[in-house]
Structure formats: structure tokens, C-alpha cells
């Protein structure tokens, strides 16, 4: 599912960013450009990020 329409960033892209060390929306912006255009996606992106971080912690 798309999280950031402006930059075509999906939940899978966020999971990949988490696997590469992202742990905040700011870091996601650095790695993926998420939220850097209109910013409307950042609240939902934070929720997705939290889920991805939890899944990564459980997998470790």
C-alpha cells in the first residue's frame, strides 16, 4: 500500500528503510524522500514505521 503518494513510497519501502537503520520519520525522509513534498503522509508513515520496527525487533 502506498504511504507517500508524492514519491511513490510503499509500506514495503518503509520496511526496507527500517532494515537499513531507519527508526524515525526524519530518517525515513533522508533515506526515501518520504514526507518531503506535501508532508500529508507523515502521520501514517509514523504508524507504519512503528509496526515495521516492532516486526524487526521480533524477528531479531
C-alpha atoms as a PDB file:
ATOM      1  CA  UNK A   1       0.000   0.000   0.000  1.00  0.00           C
ATOM      2  CA  UNK A   2       1.250   3.485  -0.805  1.00  0.00           C
ATOM      3  CA  UNK A   3       2.157   5.666   2.144  1.00  0.00           C
ATOM      4  CA  UNK A   4       3.646   8.650   0.297  1.00  0.00           C
ATOM      5  CA  UNK A   5       1.889   9.295  -2.994  1.00  0.00           C
ATOM      6  CA  UNK A   6       4.172  12.202  -3.925  1.00  0.00           C
ATOM      7  CA  UNK A   7       7.241   9.957  -4.034  1.00  0.00           C
ATOM      8  CA  UNK A   8       5.523   6.575  -4.622  1.00  0.00           C
ATOM      9  CA  UNK A   9       6.748   5.130  -1.307  1.00  0.00           C
ATOM     10  CA  UNK A  10       5.075   1.966  -0.091  1.00  0.00           C
ATOM     11  CA  UNK A  11       4.919   0.116   3.202  1.00  0.00           C
ATOM     12  CA  UNK A  12       7.490  -2.318   1.759  1.00  0.00           C
ATOM     13  CA  UNK A  13       9.818   0.612   1.080  1.00  0.00           C
ATOM     14  CA  UNK A  14       9.474   1.668   4.705  1.00  0.00           C
ATOM     15  CA  UNK A  15      10.264  -1.879   5.856  1.00  0.00           C
ATOM     16  CA  UNK A  16      13.407  -1.838   3.705  1.00  0.00           C
ATOM     17  CA  UNK A  17      14.397   1.512   5.226  1.00  0.00           C
ATOM     18  CA  UNK A  18      13.890   0.094   8.728  1.00  0.00           C
ATOM     19  CA  UNK A  19      16.120  -2.828   7.777  1.00  0.00           C
ATOM     20  CA  UNK A  20      18.708  -0.211   6.735  1.00  0.00           C
ATOM     21  CA  UNK A  21      18.543   1.582  10.085  1.00  0.00           C
ATOM     22  CA  UNK A  22      15.599   3.990   9.874  1.00  0.00           C
ATOM     23  CA  UNK A  23      13.904   4.463  13.227  1.00  0.00           C
ATOM     24  CA  UNK A  24      12.220   7.840  12.760  1.00  0.00           C
ATOM     25  CA  UNK A  25      10.200   9.697  10.153  1.00  0.00           C
ATOM     26  CA  UNK A  26      13.123  12.098   9.794  1.00  0.00           C
ATOM     27  CA  UNK A  27      15.445   9.223   8.919  1.00  0.00           C
ATOM     28  CA  UNK A  28      12.828   7.863   6.506  1.00  0.00           C
ATOM     29  CA  UNK A  29      12.847  11.257   4.788  1.00  0.00           C
ATOM     30  CA  UNK A  30      16.629  11.067   4.439  1.00  0.00           C
ATOM     31  CA  UNK A  31      16.556   7.544   3.028  1.00  0.00           C
ATOM     32  CA  UNK A  32      13.408   7.670   0.873  1.00  0.00           C
ATOM     33  CA  UNK A  33      12.291  11.316   0.460  1.00  0.00           C
ATOM     34  CA  UNK A  34       9.056  10.417   2.302  1.00  0.00           C
ATOM     35  CA  UNK A  35       7.189  13.497   3.504  1.00  0.00           C
ATOM     36  CA  UNK A  36       9.476  15.980   1.799  1.00  0.00           C
ATOM     37  CA  UNK A  37       6.931  17.341  -0.669  1.00  0.00           C
ATOM     38  CA  UNK A  38       3.456  17.907   0.812  1.00  0.00           C
ATOM     39  CA  UNK A  39       4.013  16.183   4.172  1.00  0.00           C
ATOM     40  CA  UNK A  40       0.492  14.765   4.420  1.00  0.00           C
ATOM     41  CA  UNK A  41       1.847  11.229   4.748  1.00  0.00           C
ATOM     42  CA  UNK A  42       3.982  11.691   7.847  1.00  0.00           C
ATOM     43  CA  UNK A  43       1.353  10.724  10.445  1.00  0.00           C
ATOM     44  CA  UNK A  44       0.508   7.492   8.662  1.00  0.00           C
ATOM     45  CA  UNK A  45       4.182   6.869   7.904  1.00  0.00           C
ATOM     46  CA  UNK A  46       4.925   7.104  11.631  1.00  0.00           C
ATOM     47  CA  UNK A  47       2.320   4.403  12.320  1.00  0.00           C
ATOM     48  CA  UNK A  48       3.740   2.158   9.596  1.00  0.00           C
ATOM     49  CA  UNK A  49       7.249   2.814  10.872  1.00  0.00           C
ATOM     50  CA  UNK A  50       6.255   1.748  14.394  1.00  0.00           C
ATOM     51  CA  UNK A  51       4.791  -1.514  13.095  1.00  0.00           C
ATOM     52  CA  UNK A  52       7.869  -2.222  10.980  1.00  0.00           C
ATOM     53  CA  UNK A  53      10.235  -1.512  13.867  1.00  0.00           C
ATOM     54  CA  UNK A  54       8.232  -3.878  16.092  1.00  0.00           C
ATOM     55  CA  UNK A  55       8.295  -6.608  13.431  1.00  0.00           C
ATOM     56  CA  UNK A  56      12.057  -6.191  13.039  1.00  0.00           C
ATOM     57  CA  UNK A  57      12.585  -6.416  16.788  1.00  0.00           C
ATOM     58  CA  UNK A  58      10.533  -9.611  16.976  1.00  0.00           C
ATOM     59  CA  UNK A  59      12.413 -11.133  14.020  1.00  0.00           C
ATOM     60  CA  UNK A  60      15.762 -10.461  15.694  1.00  0.00           C
END
